[in-house]
């Protein structure tokens, strides 16, 4: 699930919340899974991956990751991202565009403090996306770290939150015969411009 706090009263957020509540009622699995696409200027490539969206606070969306991972390197060199949620139970895609930035240290510290020791052990032990001799090495490093840490263990500097505030929403609703509805909101000069797109 996504923790939603003091959600913005702007229209695209109201629509998002209505869909989110409907997806919960329909028992949508992995409702927090969001695909984040980034650009790697060194390779001149676009990459995407799923992460777990943890919070939407007012208009700020946040997930957590390793700050030394490939996606973090992409974000630091090219802050433009696109994001995508797909809720099969509603046949709904939600497309987002935004700039991304690191969450505050205090926010990341607080989230880390409230996570399970098991999850924090992996955050500490994993050199995310780095090559490893075998999966056994991954497991060994995890279990060694798990034995050493406790609830007082501090968040490592190389792990924390990434936040973004969308300036573009598209709510894509699939219908029979591909008569799909595409409802777009784009922020311009602090106002949301609303449009309907052809399928």
Protein backbone atom coordinates (compact mmCIF):
# COMPACT_ATOMS: atom_id res chain seq x y z
CA UNK A 1 0.00 0.00 0.00
CA UNK A 2 0.93 3.64 -0.41
CA UNK A 3 0.83 5.90 2.63
CA UNK A 4 -1.15 8.96 1.55
CA UNK A 5 -0.92 11.99 3.85
CA UNK A 6 -2.59 15.41 3.47
CA UNK A 7 -3.13 14.80 -0.24
CA UNK A 8 -3.25 17.85 -2.49
CA UNK A 9 -6.78 19.01 -3.26
CA UNK A 10 -5.86 19.69 -6.90
CA UNK A 11 -8.12 17.88 -9.37
CA UNK A 12 -5.62 15.28 -10.68
CA UNK A 13 -4.91 14.22 -7.10
CA UNK A 14 -8.62 13.86 -6.33
CA UNK A 15 -9.01 11.66 -9.42
CA UNK A 16 -5.94 9.64 -8.42
CA UNK A 17 -7.34 9.06 -4.92
CA UNK A 18 -10.70 7.91 -6.27
CA UNK A 19 -8.98 5.39 -8.53
CA UNK A 20 -6.66 4.31 -5.71
CA UNK A 21 -9.59 3.66 -3.37
CA UNK A 22 -11.38 1.70 -6.11
CA UNK A 23 -8.26 -0.39 -6.75
CA UNK A 24 -8.03 -1.19 -3.02
CA UNK A 25 -11.65 -2.31 -2.99
CA UNK A 26 -10.90 -4.52 -6.01
CA UNK A 27 -7.93 -6.02 -4.13
CA UNK A 28 -5.33 -4.82 -6.61
CA UNK A 29 -2.05 -6.63 -5.92
CA UNK A 30 1.23 -4.67 -5.79
CA UNK A 31 -0.72 -1.43 -5.83
CA UNK A 32 2.44 0.43 -4.80
CA UNK A 33 4.51 -0.83 -7.76
CA UNK A 34 5.55 2.10 -9.96
CA UNK A 35 7.79 2.01 -13.02
CA UNK A 36 10.38 4.78 -13.10
CA UNK A 37 12.06 5.58 -16.42
CA UNK A 38 15.28 7.57 -16.46
CA UNK A 39 17.83 8.73 -19.02
CA UNK A 40 21.49 7.75 -18.87
CA UNK A 41 23.40 10.47 -20.77
CA UNK A 42 26.69 8.52 -20.61
CA UNK A 43 25.18 5.62 -22.57
CA UNK A 44 22.55 7.70 -24.35
CA UNK A 45 19.98 5.15 -23.15
CA UNK A 46 16.61 5.21 -21.43
CA UNK A 47 16.16 2.70 -18.63
CA UNK A 48 13.15 1.72 -16.54
CA UNK A 49 12.51 -0.36 -13.45
CA UNK A 50 9.77 -0.96 -10.89
CA UNK A 51 10.14 0.42 -7.37
CA UNK A 52 7.79 0.53 -4.40
CA UNK A 53 6.11 3.89 -3.99
CA UNK A 54 5.96 4.42 -0.23
CA UNK A 55 4.43 7.86 0.29
CA UNK A 56 2.40 10.59 -1.33
CA UNK A 57 2.51 13.59 1.01
CA UNK A 58 0.52 16.54 -0.32
CA UNK A 59 1.87 16.52 -3.91
CA UNK A 60 5.25 14.83 -3.28
CA UNK A 61 5.75 11.16 -4.23
CA UNK A 62 8.56 9.18 -2.55
CA UNK A 63 10.33 5.84 -2.91
CA UNK A 64 13.64 4.61 -1.46
CA UNK A 65 16.78 3.21 -3.01
CA UNK A 66 20.56 2.99 -2.96
CA UNK A 67 22.12 6.37 -3.80
CA UNK A 68 24.99 4.62 -5.61
CA UNK A 69 22.76 2.56 -7.91
CA UNK A 70 22.59 3.10 -11.68
CA UNK A 71 19.22 4.85 -11.42
CA UNK A 72 20.61 7.23 -8.79
CA UNK A 73 23.46 8.08 -11.15
CA UNK A 74 20.92 8.71 -13.89
CA UNK A 75 18.89 11.00 -11.62
CA UNK A 76 21.94 13.03 -10.64
CA UNK A 77 22.96 13.66 -14.25
CA UNK A 78 19.47 13.97 -15.77
CA UNK A 79 16.66 14.72 -13.33
CA UNK A 80 13.79 14.26 -15.78
CA UNK A 81 11.79 11.05 -15.22
CA UNK A 82 8.56 9.48 -16.32
CA UNK A 83 6.61 7.13 -14.08
CA UNK A 84 3.84 4.62 -14.67
CA UNK A 85 1.36 2.78 -12.48
CA UNK A 86 -0.81 0.00 -13.92
CA UNK A 87 -3.73 -1.39 -11.95
CA UNK A 88 -5.05 -4.40 -13.83
CA UNK A 89 -8.19 -4.69 -11.71
CA UNK A 90 -9.32 -1.33 -13.11
CA UNK A 91 -7.58 -1.66 -16.50
CA UNK A 92 -6.00 1.68 -15.65
CA UNK A 93 -2.64 3.25 -16.42
CA UNK A 94 -1.51 6.41 -14.67
CA UNK A 95 1.34 8.16 -16.48
CA UNK A 96 3.41 10.84 -14.75
CA UNK A 97 6.22 13.21 -15.69
CA UNK A 98 8.41 14.99 -13.19
CA UNK A 99 11.81 16.11 -12.00
CA UNK A 100 13.34 13.95 -9.27
CA UNK A 101 15.54 14.82 -6.28
CA UNK A 102 16.82 13.28 -3.06
CA UNK A 103 14.46 13.42 -0.10
CA UNK A 104 15.63 15.24 3.02
CA UNK A 105 18.04 13.37 5.30
CA UNK A 106 15.63 13.66 8.22
CA UNK A 107 12.79 12.14 6.20
CA UNK A 108 15.00 9.24 5.07
CA UNK A 109 16.27 8.74 8.63
CA UNK A 110 12.74 8.57 9.99
CA UNK A 111 11.62 6.07 7.35
CA UNK A 112 14.70 3.88 7.93
CA UNK A 113 14.12 3.92 11.69
CA UNK A 114 10.59 2.60 11.24
CA UNK A 115 11.47 -0.24 8.84
CA UNK A 116 12.05 -3.84 9.86
CA UNK A 117 15.59 -4.88 10.80
CA UNK A 118 15.46 -7.44 7.98
CA UNK A 119 14.80 -4.79 5.33
CA UNK A 120 17.45 -2.50 6.77
CA UNK A 121 19.99 -5.32 6.76
CA UNK A 122 19.54 -5.65 3.01
CA UNK A 123 19.75 -1.88 2.48
CA UNK A 124 23.09 -1.90 4.32
CA UNK A 125 24.55 -5.12 2.86
CA UNK A 126 23.60 -4.69 -0.80
CA UNK A 127 25.83 -2.87 -3.28
CA UNK A 128 22.83 -2.50 -5.57
CA UNK A 129 23.36 -3.58 -9.19
CA UNK A 130 27.09 -4.26 -8.67
CA UNK A 131 28.34 -7.56 -10.09
CA UNK A 132 28.76 -10.39 -7.57
CA UNK A 133 30.44 -13.82 -7.87
CA UNK A 134 27.25 -15.64 -6.87
CA UNK A 135 23.88 -15.31 -5.16
CA UNK A 136 25.39 -17.19 -2.21
CA UNK A 137 27.65 -14.17 -1.62
CA UNK A 138 24.58 -11.94 -1.54
CA UNK A 139 22.92 -14.18 1.05
CA UNK A 140 26.08 -14.45 3.17
CA UNK A 141 26.56 -10.68 3.26
CA UNK A 142 22.91 -10.18 4.18
CA UNK A 143 22.95 -12.69 7.04
CA UNK A 144 26.25 -11.34 8.45
CA UNK A 145 24.80 -7.82 8.42
CA UNK A 146 21.56 -9.00 10.00
CA UNK A 147 23.50 -10.45 12.95
CA UNK A 148 25.34 -7.15 13.54
CA UNK A 149 22.56 -4.57 13.38
CA UNK A 150 19.73 -3.62 15.72
CA UNK A 151 16.89 -1.10 15.88
CA UNK A 152 19.37 1.64 16.80
CA UNK A 153 21.50 1.15 13.67
CA UNK A 154 21.75 4.40 11.72
CA UNK A 155 20.74 4.77 8.10
CA UNK A 156 23.77 4.50 5.79
CA UNK A 157 24.49 7.65 3.78
CA UNK A 158 24.27 5.63 0.56
CA UNK A 159 20.59 4.77 1.06
CA UNK A 160 17.56 7.03 1.23
CA UNK A 161 14.55 8.53 -0.43
CA UNK A 162 13.91 9.96 -3.87
CA UNK A 163 11.01 12.36 -4.26
CA UNK A 164 9.22 13.91 -7.19
CA UNK A 165 6.29 16.27 -7.76
CA UNK A 166 4.48 15.45 -11.01
CA UNK A 167 3.71 18.22 -13.46
CA UNK A 168 1.90 15.82 -15.83
CA UNK A 169 -0.79 13.20 -15.24
CA UNK A 170 -2.49 10.96 -17.76
CA UNK A 171 -5.28 8.66 -16.61
CA UNK A 172 -5.68 5.96 -19.28
CA UNK A 173 -8.77 3.79 -18.90
CA UNK A 174 -9.04 0.76 -21.15
CA UNK A 175 -12.40 -0.06 -22.72
CA UNK A 176 -13.78 -2.58 -25.19
CA UNK A 177 -12.76 -2.22 -28.84
CA UNK A 178 -9.91 0.00 -27.67
CA UNK A 179 -12.31 2.88 -27.14
CA UNK A 180 -9.94 3.98 -24.39
CA UNK A 181 -10.33 7.16 -22.37
CA UNK A 182 -7.24 9.36 -21.93
CA UNK A 183 -7.65 12.19 -19.44
CA UNK A 184 -4.63 14.50 -19.15
CA UNK A 185 -3.62 17.20 -16.70
CA UNK A 186 -0.50 19.31 -17.32
CA UNK A 187 0.74 22.02 -14.99
CA UNK A 188 1.51 25.36 -16.60
CA UNK A 189 2.21 28.53 -14.58
CA UNK A 190 0.86 26.88 -11.42
CA UNK A 191 -2.41 25.95 -13.14
CA UNK A 192 -3.56 22.52 -14.29
CA UNK A 193 -4.51 22.43 -17.97
CA UNK A 194 -7.05 19.64 -18.55
CA UNK A 195 -7.42 17.79 -21.86
CA UNK A 196 -8.94 14.65 -23.34
CA UNK A 197 -6.77 12.78 -25.87
CA UNK A 198 -7.85 10.51 -28.69
CA UNK A 199 -7.35 6.78 -27.94
